[in-house]
N, C-alpha and C. Protein backbone atom coordinates (compact mmCIF):
# COMPACT_ATOMS: atom_id res chain seq x y z
N MET A 1 -1.45 -24.00 11.93
CA MET A 1 -0.68 -23.58 10.77
C MET A 1 -1.11 -22.17 10.36
N LYS A 2 -0.16 -21.34 10.10
CA LYS A 2 -0.43 -19.96 9.73
C LYS A 2 -1.09 -19.87 8.37
N LYS A 3 -2.05 -18.98 8.25
CA LYS A 3 -2.76 -18.74 6.98
C LYS A 3 -2.38 -17.36 6.46
N PHE A 4 -2.54 -17.20 5.16
CA PHE A 4 -2.25 -15.93 4.50
C PHE A 4 -3.47 -15.57 3.66
N TYR A 5 -3.70 -14.29 3.50
CA TYR A 5 -4.91 -13.81 2.85
C TYR A 5 -4.59 -12.79 1.77
N VAL A 6 -5.27 -12.92 0.65
CA VAL A 6 -5.29 -11.89 -0.37
C VAL A 6 -6.67 -11.25 -0.22
N TYR A 7 -6.74 -9.95 -0.28
CA TYR A 7 -8.03 -9.29 -0.06
C TYR A 7 -8.20 -8.10 -1.00
N ILE A 8 -9.47 -7.76 -1.21
CA ILE A 8 -9.80 -6.56 -1.98
C ILE A 8 -10.72 -5.71 -1.12
N LEU A 9 -10.32 -4.46 -0.95
CA LEU A 9 -11.14 -3.47 -0.26
C LEU A 9 -11.79 -2.58 -1.31
N CYS A 10 -12.93 -1.99 -0.95
CA CYS A 10 -13.58 -1.05 -1.86
C CYS A 10 -14.05 0.16 -1.06
N SER A 11 -14.24 1.27 -1.78
CA SER A 11 -14.75 2.49 -1.14
C SER A 11 -16.27 2.44 -1.05
N LYS A 12 -16.89 1.77 -2.01
CA LYS A 12 -18.34 1.58 -2.08
C LYS A 12 -18.58 0.57 -3.21
N ARG A 13 -19.81 0.20 -3.43
CA ARG A 13 -20.15 -0.72 -4.52
C ARG A 13 -19.64 -0.13 -5.85
N ASN A 14 -18.87 -0.91 -6.57
CA ASN A 14 -18.26 -0.49 -7.84
C ASN A 14 -17.35 0.72 -7.71
N GLY A 15 -16.87 1.00 -6.50
CA GLY A 15 -16.02 2.16 -6.27
C GLY A 15 -14.54 1.86 -6.44
N THR A 16 -13.73 2.64 -5.77
CA THR A 16 -12.28 2.48 -5.81
C THR A 16 -11.91 1.17 -5.14
N LEU A 17 -10.94 0.45 -5.73
CA LEU A 17 -10.51 -0.85 -5.23
C LEU A 17 -9.06 -0.82 -4.78
N TYR A 18 -8.76 -1.65 -3.79
CA TYR A 18 -7.39 -1.83 -3.31
C TYR A 18 -7.17 -3.31 -3.06
N THR A 19 -6.08 -3.85 -3.56
CA THR A 19 -5.75 -5.27 -3.35
C THR A 19 -4.53 -5.36 -2.45
N GLY A 20 -4.60 -6.25 -1.46
CA GLY A 20 -3.49 -6.42 -0.53
C GLY A 20 -3.31 -7.86 -0.11
N VAL A 21 -2.28 -8.10 0.69
CA VAL A 21 -1.99 -9.43 1.22
C VAL A 21 -1.58 -9.28 2.69
N THR A 22 -1.94 -10.25 3.51
CA THR A 22 -1.63 -10.18 4.94
C THR A 22 -1.69 -11.58 5.56
N SER A 23 -1.13 -11.70 6.75
CA SER A 23 -1.25 -12.95 7.51
C SER A 23 -2.25 -12.79 8.66
N ASP A 24 -2.80 -11.60 8.81
CA ASP A 24 -3.78 -11.32 9.88
C ASP A 24 -4.87 -10.42 9.30
N LEU A 25 -5.85 -11.04 8.69
CA LEU A 25 -6.86 -10.31 7.92
C LEU A 25 -7.67 -9.33 8.76
N ASP A 26 -8.20 -9.80 9.88
CA ASP A 26 -9.04 -8.90 10.67
C ASP A 26 -8.25 -7.70 11.20
N LYS A 27 -7.01 -7.92 11.61
CA LYS A 27 -6.18 -6.82 12.09
C LYS A 27 -5.88 -5.84 10.96
N ARG A 28 -5.54 -6.36 9.80
CA ARG A 28 -5.18 -5.48 8.68
C ARG A 28 -6.37 -4.65 8.21
N VAL A 29 -7.55 -5.27 8.11
CA VAL A 29 -8.73 -4.52 7.69
C VAL A 29 -9.09 -3.48 8.76
N TYR A 30 -8.95 -3.85 10.03
CA TYR A 30 -9.17 -2.90 11.12
C TYR A 30 -8.28 -1.67 10.94
N GLU A 31 -7.01 -1.91 10.60
CA GLU A 31 -6.07 -0.82 10.40
C GLU A 31 -6.51 0.08 9.24
N HIS A 32 -6.96 -0.53 8.13
CA HIS A 32 -7.46 0.26 7.00
C HIS A 32 -8.69 1.07 7.40
N LYS A 33 -9.63 0.43 8.07
CA LYS A 33 -10.89 1.08 8.45
C LYS A 33 -10.67 2.28 9.37
N ASN A 34 -9.65 2.19 10.19
CA ASN A 34 -9.38 3.24 11.16
C ASN A 34 -8.25 4.18 10.74
N ASN A 35 -7.95 4.15 9.45
CA ASN A 35 -6.92 5.03 8.87
C ASN A 35 -5.58 4.95 9.58
N LEU A 36 -5.24 3.75 10.05
CA LEU A 36 -3.93 3.53 10.67
C LEU A 36 -2.89 3.21 9.61
N VAL A 37 -3.34 2.96 8.38
CA VAL A 37 -2.46 2.69 7.26
C VAL A 37 -2.41 3.95 6.41
N LYS A 38 -1.28 4.59 6.37
CA LYS A 38 -1.13 5.82 5.58
C LYS A 38 -1.03 5.44 4.11
N GLY A 39 -1.58 6.26 3.26
CA GLY A 39 -1.44 6.02 1.83
C GLY A 39 -2.77 5.93 1.10
N PHE A 40 -2.81 5.04 0.13
CA PHE A 40 -3.92 4.93 -0.81
C PHE A 40 -5.28 4.75 -0.14
N THR A 41 -5.39 3.76 0.76
CA THR A 41 -6.71 3.48 1.35
C THR A 41 -7.20 4.62 2.23
N GLN A 42 -6.28 5.30 2.87
CA GLN A 42 -6.67 6.46 3.68
C GLN A 42 -7.09 7.62 2.78
N LYS A 43 -6.30 7.89 1.76
CA LYS A 43 -6.56 9.01 0.86
C LYS A 43 -7.88 8.88 0.12
N TYR A 44 -8.19 7.65 -0.34
CA TYR A 44 -9.40 7.43 -1.14
C TYR A 44 -10.55 6.78 -0.37
N LYS A 45 -10.40 6.68 0.96
CA LYS A 45 -11.45 6.13 1.83
C LYS A 45 -11.91 4.74 1.39
N VAL A 46 -10.92 3.87 1.20
CA VAL A 46 -11.17 2.49 0.76
C VAL A 46 -11.12 1.62 2.02
N HIS A 47 -12.31 1.33 2.60
CA HIS A 47 -12.35 0.70 3.92
C HIS A 47 -13.20 -0.56 4.01
N CYS A 48 -13.93 -0.93 2.99
CA CYS A 48 -14.84 -2.08 3.07
C CYS A 48 -14.19 -3.33 2.48
N LEU A 49 -14.20 -4.41 3.23
CA LEU A 49 -13.66 -5.69 2.75
C LEU A 49 -14.69 -6.32 1.82
N ALA A 50 -14.38 -6.35 0.53
CA ALA A 50 -15.31 -6.86 -0.48
C ALA A 50 -15.05 -8.31 -0.85
N TRP A 51 -13.79 -8.75 -0.72
CA TRP A 51 -13.42 -10.11 -1.14
C TRP A 51 -12.13 -10.51 -0.44
N TYR A 52 -12.00 -11.80 -0.14
CA TYR A 52 -10.72 -12.32 0.35
C TYR A 52 -10.61 -13.79 0.02
N GLU A 53 -9.37 -14.27 0.03
CA GLU A 53 -9.08 -15.66 -0.29
C GLU A 53 -7.97 -16.12 0.65
N ILE A 54 -8.10 -17.34 1.17
CA ILE A 54 -7.14 -17.89 2.12
C ILE A 54 -6.10 -18.71 1.36
N HIS A 55 -4.83 -18.56 1.77
CA HIS A 55 -3.73 -19.33 1.18
C HIS A 55 -2.93 -20.00 2.28
N GLU A 56 -2.31 -21.11 1.93
CA GLU A 56 -1.51 -21.87 2.88
C GLU A 56 -0.09 -21.33 3.02
N SER A 57 0.37 -20.57 2.05
CA SER A 57 1.73 -20.04 2.11
C SER A 57 1.76 -18.57 1.71
N ALA A 58 2.76 -17.87 2.22
CA ALA A 58 2.94 -16.47 1.86
C ALA A 58 3.23 -16.35 0.37
N GLU A 59 3.99 -17.30 -0.15
CA GLU A 59 4.37 -17.26 -1.56
C GLU A 59 3.15 -17.32 -2.47
N SER A 60 2.21 -18.22 -2.17
CA SER A 60 1.03 -18.34 -3.03
C SER A 60 0.12 -17.12 -2.89
N ALA A 61 0.04 -16.56 -1.69
CA ALA A 61 -0.78 -15.36 -1.48
C ALA A 61 -0.19 -14.17 -2.23
N ILE A 62 1.12 -14.01 -2.15
CA ILE A 62 1.78 -12.89 -2.83
C ILE A 62 1.65 -13.05 -4.34
N LYS A 63 1.79 -14.27 -4.81
CA LYS A 63 1.64 -14.54 -6.25
C LYS A 63 0.24 -14.15 -6.73
N LYS A 64 -0.78 -14.54 -5.97
CA LYS A 64 -2.17 -14.21 -6.33
C LYS A 64 -2.40 -12.70 -6.27
N GLU A 65 -1.87 -12.04 -5.24
CA GLU A 65 -2.02 -10.59 -5.13
C GLU A 65 -1.43 -9.90 -6.37
N LYS A 66 -0.25 -10.31 -6.77
CA LYS A 66 0.40 -9.71 -7.94
C LYS A 66 -0.41 -9.96 -9.21
N GLN A 67 -0.99 -11.16 -9.32
CA GLN A 67 -1.84 -11.47 -10.49
C GLN A 67 -3.04 -10.53 -10.52
N ILE A 68 -3.73 -10.43 -9.39
CA ILE A 68 -4.94 -9.60 -9.32
C ILE A 68 -4.61 -8.13 -9.62
N LYS A 69 -3.49 -7.65 -9.12
CA LYS A 69 -3.11 -6.26 -9.37
C LYS A 69 -2.89 -5.98 -10.85
N LYS A 70 -2.58 -7.01 -11.62
CA LYS A 70 -2.39 -6.85 -13.07
C LYS A 70 -3.70 -6.98 -13.86
N TRP A 71 -4.75 -7.47 -13.20
CA TRP A 71 -6.02 -7.69 -13.88
C TRP A 71 -6.67 -6.37 -14.29
N LYS A 72 -7.53 -6.48 -15.29
CA LYS A 72 -8.39 -5.36 -15.66
C LYS A 72 -9.40 -5.16 -14.54
N ARG A 73 -9.85 -3.95 -14.38
CA ARG A 73 -10.84 -3.62 -13.35
C ARG A 73 -12.09 -4.50 -13.47
N ALA A 74 -12.55 -4.72 -14.69
CA ALA A 74 -13.76 -5.52 -14.91
C ALA A 74 -13.61 -6.93 -14.34
N TRP A 75 -12.41 -7.50 -14.42
CA TRP A 75 -12.19 -8.84 -13.89
C TRP A 75 -12.27 -8.83 -12.36
N LYS A 76 -11.75 -7.78 -11.74
CA LYS A 76 -11.81 -7.66 -10.28
C LYS A 76 -13.26 -7.52 -9.82
N LEU A 77 -14.03 -6.70 -10.54
CA LEU A 77 -15.45 -6.53 -10.20
C LEU A 77 -16.19 -7.84 -10.33
N LYS A 78 -15.89 -8.60 -11.36
CA LYS A 78 -16.53 -9.90 -11.56
C LYS A 78 -16.18 -10.86 -10.42
N LEU A 79 -14.94 -10.84 -9.99
CA LEU A 79 -14.50 -11.70 -8.88
C LEU A 79 -15.29 -11.36 -7.61
N ILE A 80 -15.43 -10.08 -7.32
CA ILE A 80 -16.18 -9.66 -6.14
C ILE A 80 -17.65 -10.05 -6.26
N LYS A 81 -18.25 -9.73 -7.40
CA LYS A 81 -19.69 -10.00 -7.60
C LYS A 81 -20.02 -11.48 -7.52
N LYS A 82 -19.08 -12.32 -7.93
CA LYS A 82 -19.31 -13.77 -7.91
C LYS A 82 -19.50 -14.30 -6.49
N SER A 83 -18.68 -13.83 -5.56
CA SER A 83 -18.78 -14.34 -4.19
C SER A 83 -19.50 -13.40 -3.23
N ASN A 84 -19.66 -12.15 -3.63
CA ASN A 84 -20.28 -11.16 -2.75
C ASN A 84 -21.17 -10.23 -3.58
N PRO A 85 -22.25 -10.77 -4.15
CA PRO A 85 -23.07 -10.00 -5.09
C PRO A 85 -23.70 -8.73 -4.50
N ARG A 86 -23.90 -8.69 -3.18
CA ARG A 86 -24.50 -7.50 -2.56
C ARG A 86 -23.45 -6.50 -2.09
N TRP A 87 -22.20 -6.84 -2.29
CA TRP A 87 -21.08 -5.99 -1.88
C TRP A 87 -21.13 -5.70 -0.38
N ASP A 88 -21.47 -6.73 0.41
CA ASP A 88 -21.47 -6.57 1.86
C ASP A 88 -20.04 -6.33 2.34
N ASP A 89 -19.90 -5.64 3.46
CA ASP A 89 -18.59 -5.48 4.09
C ASP A 89 -18.32 -6.78 4.85
N LEU A 90 -17.43 -7.59 4.34
CA LEU A 90 -17.15 -8.91 4.92
C LEU A 90 -16.41 -8.83 6.24
N TYR A 91 -15.93 -7.68 6.60
CA TYR A 91 -15.24 -7.51 7.88
C TYR A 91 -16.18 -7.86 9.04
N GLU A 92 -17.40 -7.40 8.94
CA GLU A 92 -18.37 -7.71 10.00
C GLU A 92 -18.56 -9.23 10.12
N ARG A 93 -18.58 -9.90 9.01
CA ARG A 93 -18.77 -11.36 9.00
C ARG A 93 -17.57 -12.08 9.62
N ILE A 94 -16.35 -11.67 9.29
CA ILE A 94 -15.20 -12.38 9.85
C ILE A 94 -15.05 -12.09 11.33
N CYS A 95 -15.56 -10.95 11.79
CA CYS A 95 -15.53 -10.67 13.23
C CYS A 95 -16.66 -11.38 13.97
N GLU A 96 -17.80 -11.51 13.32
CA GLU A 96 -18.94 -12.17 13.95
C GLU A 96 -18.75 -13.68 14.01
N TYR A 97 -18.19 -14.25 12.95
CA TYR A 97 -17.97 -15.70 12.86
C TYR A 97 -16.50 -15.98 12.60
N PRO A 98 -15.65 -15.69 13.57
CA PRO A 98 -14.23 -15.88 13.32
C PRO A 98 -13.85 -17.34 13.15
N ASP A 99 -13.08 -17.59 12.16
CA ASP A 99 -12.52 -18.91 11.91
C ASP A 99 -11.32 -19.04 12.84
N VAL A 100 -10.93 -20.23 13.14
CA VAL A 100 -9.84 -20.43 14.10
C VAL A 100 -8.55 -19.77 13.63
N THR A 101 -8.43 -19.49 12.35
CA THR A 101 -7.21 -18.86 11.85
C THR A 101 -7.26 -17.35 11.97
N ILE A 102 -8.38 -16.79 12.36
CA ILE A 102 -8.52 -15.34 12.46
C ILE A 102 -8.58 -14.95 13.93
N SER A 103 -7.73 -14.05 14.32
CA SER A 103 -7.68 -13.59 15.70
C SER A 103 -8.91 -12.75 16.02
N LEU A 104 -9.54 -13.04 17.13
CA LEU A 104 -10.71 -12.29 17.56
C LEU A 104 -10.32 -10.99 18.24
N ASP A 105 -9.05 -10.87 18.65
CA ASP A 105 -8.61 -9.71 19.40
C ASP A 105 -8.92 -8.38 18.73
N SER A 106 -8.61 -8.26 17.44
CA SER A 106 -8.84 -6.96 16.80
C SER A 106 -10.33 -6.68 16.65
N CYS A 107 -11.14 -7.71 16.53
CA CYS A 107 -12.59 -7.50 16.47
C CYS A 107 -13.08 -6.97 17.81
N LEU A 108 -12.56 -7.53 18.87
CA LEU A 108 -12.96 -7.08 20.21
C LEU A 108 -12.48 -5.65 20.45
N ARG A 109 -11.25 -5.34 20.01
CA ARG A 109 -10.76 -3.97 20.17
C ARG A 109 -11.67 -3.00 19.44
N ARG A 110 -12.10 -3.39 18.24
CA ARG A 110 -12.98 -2.53 17.44
C ARG A 110 -14.29 -2.30 18.19
N ASN A 111 -14.85 -3.36 18.78
CA ASN A 111 -16.12 -3.23 19.49
C ASN A 111 -15.97 -2.40 20.76
N ASP A 112 -14.82 -2.50 21.43
CA ASP A 112 -14.58 -1.73 22.65
C ASP A 112 -14.48 -0.24 22.36
N GLU A 113 -14.00 0.11 21.18
CA GLU A 113 -13.82 1.52 20.84
C GLU A 113 -15.09 2.19 20.42
N ASN A 114 -16.12 1.42 20.05
CA ASN A 114 -17.39 2.00 19.59
C ASN A 114 -18.32 2.27 20.74
């Protein structure tokens, strides 16, 4: 069954934040990290995966993304700190320990390019 993800990227700890939604988290974060996505994340160097949440439907993921985008910044920071207090880049974790819903292909492509 296909999964959907709401995610928050950051430029650094307590830095610039970006909230998005996708059905392929590792691929989408890879695209942000490598500036393949033109716009906000490229302009402000927002490349670290700080938080994500899995949803069973696109509708629920989009609804959550829209809610988070309306939140005050302090609420977003609290959400990140609650599950990721050290502000680790979770991209490395999802590539190292891929869940069956996450494609390993983009992680391997990333490793091949380094």
